[in-house]
C-alpha atoms as a PDB file:
ATOM      1  CA  UNK A   1      23.513  25.247 -19.756  1.00  0.00           C
ATOM      2  CA  UNK A   2      25.148  21.883 -20.410  1.00  0.00           C
ATOM      3  CA  UNK A   3      23.052  18.795 -21.076  1.00  0.00           C
ATOM      4  CA  UNK A   4      22.483  16.576 -18.069  1.00  0.00           C
ATOM      5  CA  UNK A   5      24.390  13.314 -18.111  1.00  0.00           C
ATOM      6  CA  UNK A   6      22.191  10.333 -18.889  1.00  0.00           C
ATOM      7  CA  UNK A   7      21.741   8.084 -15.834  1.00  0.00           C
ATOM      8  CA  UNK A   8      20.629   5.001 -17.675  1.00  0.00           C
ATOM      9  CA  UNK A   9      22.947   2.109 -18.503  1.00  0.00           C
ATOM     10  CA  UNK A  10      21.906   2.432 -22.167  1.00  0.00           C
ATOM     11  CA  UNK A  11      19.229   4.095 -24.288  1.00  0.00           C
ATOM     12  CA  UNK A  12      15.787   2.572 -23.713  1.00  0.00           C
ATOM     13  CA  UNK A  13      12.602   3.106 -25.695  1.00  0.00           C
ATOM     14  CA  UNK A  14       9.134   3.650 -24.299  1.00  0.00           C
ATOM     15  CA  UNK A  15       8.034   0.502 -26.138  1.00  0.00           C
ATOM     16  CA  UNK A  16      10.649  -1.524 -24.217  1.00  0.00           C
ATOM     17  CA  UNK A  17       9.531  -0.091 -20.881  1.00  0.00           C
ATOM     18  CA  UNK A  18       5.833  -0.498 -21.593  1.00  0.00           C
ATOM     19  CA  UNK A  19       6.417  -4.144 -22.553  1.00  0.00           C
ATOM     20  CA  UNK A  20       7.748  -4.714 -19.010  1.00  0.00           C
ATOM     21  CA  UNK A  21       4.301  -3.851 -17.556  1.00  0.00           C
ATOM     22  CA  UNK A  22       2.470  -6.595 -19.479  1.00  0.00           C
ATOM     23  CA  UNK A  23       1.047  -9.296 -17.241  1.00  0.00           C
ATOM     24  CA  UNK A  24       1.786  -7.676 -13.887  1.00  0.00           C
ATOM     25  CA  UNK A  25       0.315  -5.125 -11.461  1.00  0.00           C
ATOM     26  CA  UNK A  26       1.499  -2.108 -13.460  1.00  0.00           C
ATOM     27  CA  UNK A  27      -0.250  -3.380 -16.570  1.00  0.00           C
ATOM     28  CA  UNK A  28      -3.389  -4.330 -14.649  1.00  0.00           C
ATOM     29  CA  UNK A  29      -3.635  -0.802 -13.243  1.00  0.00           C
ATOM     30  CA  UNK A  30      -3.163   0.727 -16.700  1.00  0.00           C
ATOM     31  CA  UNK A  31       0.233   2.329 -16.098  1.00  0.00           C
ATOM     32  CA  UNK A  32       2.029   3.628 -19.176  1.00  0.00           C
ATOM     33  CA  UNK A  33       5.551   4.989 -19.395  1.00  0.00           C
ATOM     34  CA  UNK A  34       5.393   8.310 -21.248  1.00  0.00           C
ATOM     35  CA  UNK A  35       8.851   9.885 -21.122  1.00  0.00           C
ATOM     36  CA  UNK A  36      12.466   8.967 -20.492  1.00  0.00           C
ATOM     37  CA  UNK A  37      14.624  12.002 -19.744  1.00  0.00           C
ATOM     38  CA  UNK A  38      18.355  12.090 -19.069  1.00  0.00           C
ATOM     39  CA  UNK A  39      17.756  11.936 -15.302  1.00  0.00           C
ATOM     40  CA  UNK A  40      14.060  11.150 -14.862  1.00  0.00           C
ATOM     41  CA  UNK A  41      11.388   8.669 -15.823  1.00  0.00           C
ATOM     42  CA  UNK A  42       7.698   9.540 -16.227  1.00  0.00           C
ATOM     43  CA  UNK A  43       4.575   7.367 -16.356  1.00  0.00           C
ATOM     44  CA  UNK A  44       0.845   7.899 -16.098  1.00  0.00           C
ATOM     45  CA  UNK A  45      -1.989   5.905 -14.558  1.00  0.00           C
ATOM     46  CA  UNK A  46      -5.738   6.245 -15.065  1.00  0.00           C
ATOM     47  CA  UNK A  47      -8.032   7.115 -12.204  1.00  0.00           C
ATOM     48  CA  UNK A  48     -10.798   4.612 -12.947  1.00  0.00           C
ATOM     49  CA  UNK A  49     -12.496   1.510 -11.525  1.00  0.00           C
ATOM     50  CA  UNK A  50      -9.105  -0.221 -11.229  1.00  0.00           C
ATOM     51  CA  UNK A  51      -7.455   2.488  -9.155  1.00  0.00           C
ATOM     52  CA  UNK A  52     -10.164   4.079  -6.981  1.00  0.00           C
ATOM     53  CA  UNK A  53     -11.234   3.288  -3.451  1.00  0.00           C
ATOM     54  CA  UNK A  54     -14.892   2.715  -2.445  1.00  0.00           C
ATOM     55  CA  UNK A  55     -15.434   6.466  -1.896  1.00  0.00           C
ATOM     56  CA  UNK A  56     -14.561   7.112  -5.552  1.00  0.00           C
ATOM     57  CA  UNK A  57     -11.154   8.708  -4.945  1.00  0.00           C
ATOM     58  CA  UNK A  58      -7.755   7.585  -6.187  1.00  0.00           C
ATOM     59  CA  UNK A  59      -6.678   4.807  -3.831  1.00  0.00           C
ATOM     60  CA  UNK A  60      -3.512   5.589  -1.883  1.00  0.00           C
ATOM     61  CA  UNK A  61      -2.271   2.079  -2.626  1.00  0.00           C
ATOM     62  CA  UNK A  62      -2.580   2.745  -6.353  1.00  0.00           C
ATOM     63  CA  UNK A  63      -0.467   5.882  -5.938  1.00  0.00           C
ATOM     64  CA  UNK A  64       2.131   3.863  -4.036  1.00  0.00           C
ATOM     65  CA  UNK A  65       2.064   1.184  -6.752  1.00  0.00           C
ATOM     66  CA  UNK A  66       2.773   3.872  -9.373  1.00  0.00           C
ATOM     67  CA  UNK A  67       5.557   5.315  -7.214  1.00  0.00           C
ATOM     68  CA  UNK A  68       7.210   1.945  -6.605  1.00  0.00           C
ATOM     69  CA  UNK A  69       6.900   0.966 -10.261  1.00  0.00           C
ATOM     70  CA  UNK A  70       8.592   4.176 -11.392  1.00  0.00           C
ATOM     71  CA  UNK A  71      11.376   4.032  -8.823  1.00  0.00           C
ATOM     72  CA  UNK A  72      12.051   0.314  -9.265  1.00  0.00           C
ATOM     73  CA  UNK A  73      12.146   0.466 -13.041  1.00  0.00           C
ATOM     74  CA  UNK A  74      14.380   3.558 -12.952  1.00  0.00           C
ATOM     75  CA  UNK A  75      16.754   1.857 -10.503  1.00  0.00           C
ATOM     76  CA  UNK A  76      17.026  -1.150 -12.804  1.00  0.00           C
ATOM     77  CA  UNK A  77      17.678   1.070 -15.824  1.00  0.00           C
ATOM     78  CA  UNK A  78      20.642   2.605 -13.991  1.00  0.00           C
ATOM     79  CA  UNK A  79      22.229  -0.643 -12.813  1.00  0.00           C
ATOM     80  CA  UNK A  80      21.382  -3.323 -15.333  1.00  0.00           C
ATOM     81  CA  UNK A  81      24.002  -3.212 -18.027  1.00  0.00           C
ATOM     82  CA  UNK A  82      22.860  -6.554 -19.406  1.00  0.00           C
ATOM     83  CA  UNK A  83      19.247  -5.478 -19.906  1.00  0.00           C
ATOM     84  CA  UNK A  84      17.616  -7.496 -17.120  1.00  0.00           C
ATOM     85  CA  UNK A  85      14.964  -6.228 -14.694  1.00  0.00           C
ATOM     86  CA  UNK A  86      15.015  -7.478 -11.124  1.00  0.00           C
ATOM     87  CA  UNK A  87      18.500  -6.657  -9.823  1.00  0.00           C
ATOM     88  CA  UNK A  88      17.103  -3.689  -7.882  1.00  0.00           C
ATOM     89  CA  UNK A  89      14.131  -4.184  -5.573  1.00  0.00           C
ATOM     90  CA  UNK A  90      12.120  -2.002  -3.232  1.00  0.00           C
ATOM     91  CA  UNK A  91      13.335  -1.987   0.364  1.00  0.00           C
ATOM     92  CA  UNK A  92      11.140   0.770   1.871  1.00  0.00           C
ATOM     93  CA  UNK A  93       8.603   3.251   0.535  1.00  0.00           C
ATOM     94  CA  UNK A  94       6.696   6.116   2.088  1.00  0.00           C
ATOM     95  CA  UNK A  95       4.029   8.324   0.620  1.00  0.00           C
ATOM     96  CA  UNK A  96       2.204  11.490   1.584  1.00  0.00           C
ATOM     97  CA  UNK A  97      -1.202  11.771  -0.103  1.00  0.00           C
ATOM     98  CA  UNK A  98      -1.864  15.488  -0.536  1.00  0.00           C
ATOM     99  CA  UNK A  99      -4.840  15.938  -2.857  1.00  0.00           C
ATOM    100  CA  UNK A 100      -7.778  13.725  -3.863  1.00  0.00           C
ATOM    101  CA  UNK A 101      -8.383  12.809  -7.504  1.00  0.00           C
ATOM    102  CA  UNK A 102     -11.711  11.449  -8.781  1.00  0.00           C
ATOM    103  CA  UNK A 103     -11.102  10.905 -12.494  1.00  0.00           C
ATOM    104  CA  UNK A 104      -8.699  11.404 -15.380  1.00  0.00           C
ATOM    105  CA  UNK A 105      -5.018  10.560 -15.166  1.00  0.00           C
ATOM    106  CA  UNK A 106      -2.232  11.026 -12.662  1.00  0.00           C
ATOM    107  CA  UNK A 107       1.370  11.420 -13.794  1.00  0.00           C
ATOM    108  CA  UNK A 108       4.342  10.246 -11.779  1.00  0.00           C
ATOM    109  CA  UNK A 109       7.912  11.397 -12.245  1.00  0.00           C
ATOM    110  CA  UNK A 110      10.925   9.922 -10.493  1.00  0.00           C
ATOM    111  CA  UNK A 111      14.406  11.328 -10.014  1.00  0.00           C
ATOM    112  CA  UNK A 112      17.294   9.948  -7.977  1.00  0.00           C
ATOM    113  CA  UNK A 113      18.230  11.312  -4.579  1.00  0.00           C
ATOM    114  CA  UNK A 114      21.083   8.837  -3.985  1.00  0.00           C
ATOM    115  CA  UNK A 115      22.684   6.262  -6.298  1.00  0.00           C
ATOM    116  CA  UNK A 116      24.941   4.006  -4.255  1.00  0.00           C
ATOM    117  CA  UNK A 117      26.455   0.606  -4.918  1.00  0.00           C
ATOM    118  CA  UNK A 118      24.087  -1.217  -2.528  1.00  0.00           C
ATOM    119  CA  UNK A 119      21.177   1.185  -2.149  1.00  0.00           C
ATOM    120  CA  UNK A 120      19.452   3.853  -4.141  1.00  0.00           C
ATOM    121  CA  UNK A 121      16.883   6.439  -3.047  1.00  0.00           C
ATOM    122  CA  UNK A 122      14.323   7.833  -5.512  1.00  0.00           C
ATOM    123  CA  UNK A 123      11.810  10.646  -5.100  1.00  0.00           C
ATOM    124  CA  UNK A 124       8.517  10.252  -6.923  1.00  0.00           C
ATOM    125  CA  UNK A 125       6.112  13.154  -7.434  1.00  0.00           C
ATOM    126  CA  UNK A 126       2.592  12.344  -8.631  1.00  0.00           C
ATOM    127  CA  UNK A 127       0.473  15.144 -10.084  1.00  0.00           C
ATOM    128  CA  UNK A 128      -3.030  15.442 -11.515  1.00  0.00           C
ATOM    129  CA  UNK A 129      -3.929  16.639 -15.004  1.00  0.00           C
ATOM    130  CA  UNK A 130      -3.710  20.266 -13.813  1.00  0.00           C
ATOM    131  CA  UNK A 131      -0.135  19.648 -12.576  1.00  0.00           C
ATOM    132  CA  UNK A 132      -1.171  19.845  -8.911  1.00  0.00           C
ATOM    133  CA  UNK A 133       0.797  17.663  -6.494  1.00  0.00           C
ATOM    134  CA  UNK A 134      -1.287  14.639  -5.474  1.00  0.00           C
ATOM    135  CA  UNK A 135       1.311  12.471  -3.736  1.00  0.00           C
ATOM    136  CA  UNK A 136       4.989  12.653  -2.925  1.00  0.00           C
ATOM    137  CA  UNK A 137       6.879   9.476  -2.217  1.00  0.00           C
ATOM    138  CA  UNK A 138      10.401   8.308  -1.422  1.00  0.00           C
ATOM    139  CA  UNK A 139      11.545   4.812  -2.340  1.00  0.00           C
ATOM    140  CA  UNK A 140      14.668   3.094  -1.015  1.00  0.00           C
ATOM    141  CA  UNK A 141      15.985   0.404  -3.340  1.00  0.00           C
ATOM    142  CA  UNK A 142      18.231  -2.538  -2.481  1.00  0.00           C
ATOM    143  CA  UNK A 143      20.717  -3.326  -5.230  1.00  0.00           C
ATOM    144  CA  UNK A 144      20.885  -7.122  -5.083  1.00  0.00           C
ATOM    145  CA  UNK A 145      22.551  -8.047  -8.368  1.00  0.00           C
ATOM    146  CA  UNK A 146      21.571  -8.910 -11.890  1.00  0.00           C
ATOM    147  CA  UNK A 147      17.924  -9.934 -12.132  1.00  0.00           C
ATOM    148  CA  UNK A 148      16.958 -12.984 -14.107  1.00  0.00           C
ATOM    149  CA  UNK A 149      13.203 -12.563 -14.274  1.00  0.00           C
ATOM    150  CA  UNK A 150      12.569 -10.193 -17.179  1.00  0.00           C
ATOM    151  CA  UNK A 151      14.798  -9.393 -20.118  1.00  0.00           C
ATOM    152  CA  UNK A 152      14.249  -5.964 -21.658  1.00  0.00           C
ATOM    153  CA  UNK A 153      14.256  -6.167 -25.426  1.00  0.00           C
ATOM    154  CA  UNK A 154      16.911  -4.183 -27.150  1.00  0.00           C
END
């Protein structure tokens, strides 16, 4: 089987992606990028005091934050040839929460459904440590141009 074509505008390192989470919601929630594949991006998030709801379960909003972070970063990696984050922003997101998680880590993986000039659609699957589906989400991205907020090292 032939290798899948790389989606990204250039090769990125995990260190570059993890630096993008410093000082924002993704960093506060403990998200870490763990793998960059030719057509997917993977990150994990702890299920701890930062990400649970009062009943002690993973908060649905934390799952959505992981999903939007993955999809938004992936969209920017596809479009931003100059290494800037911010040219692609979330337009709409939905999420179905399928299984509760009380502790450990959840892992999100995003893959594109549609990569257009003005919009992109990404599917994000979040699983628990036993690889059971916890949440499935779809994120629509607006491609608005080159971002000027964050420069990715490289």
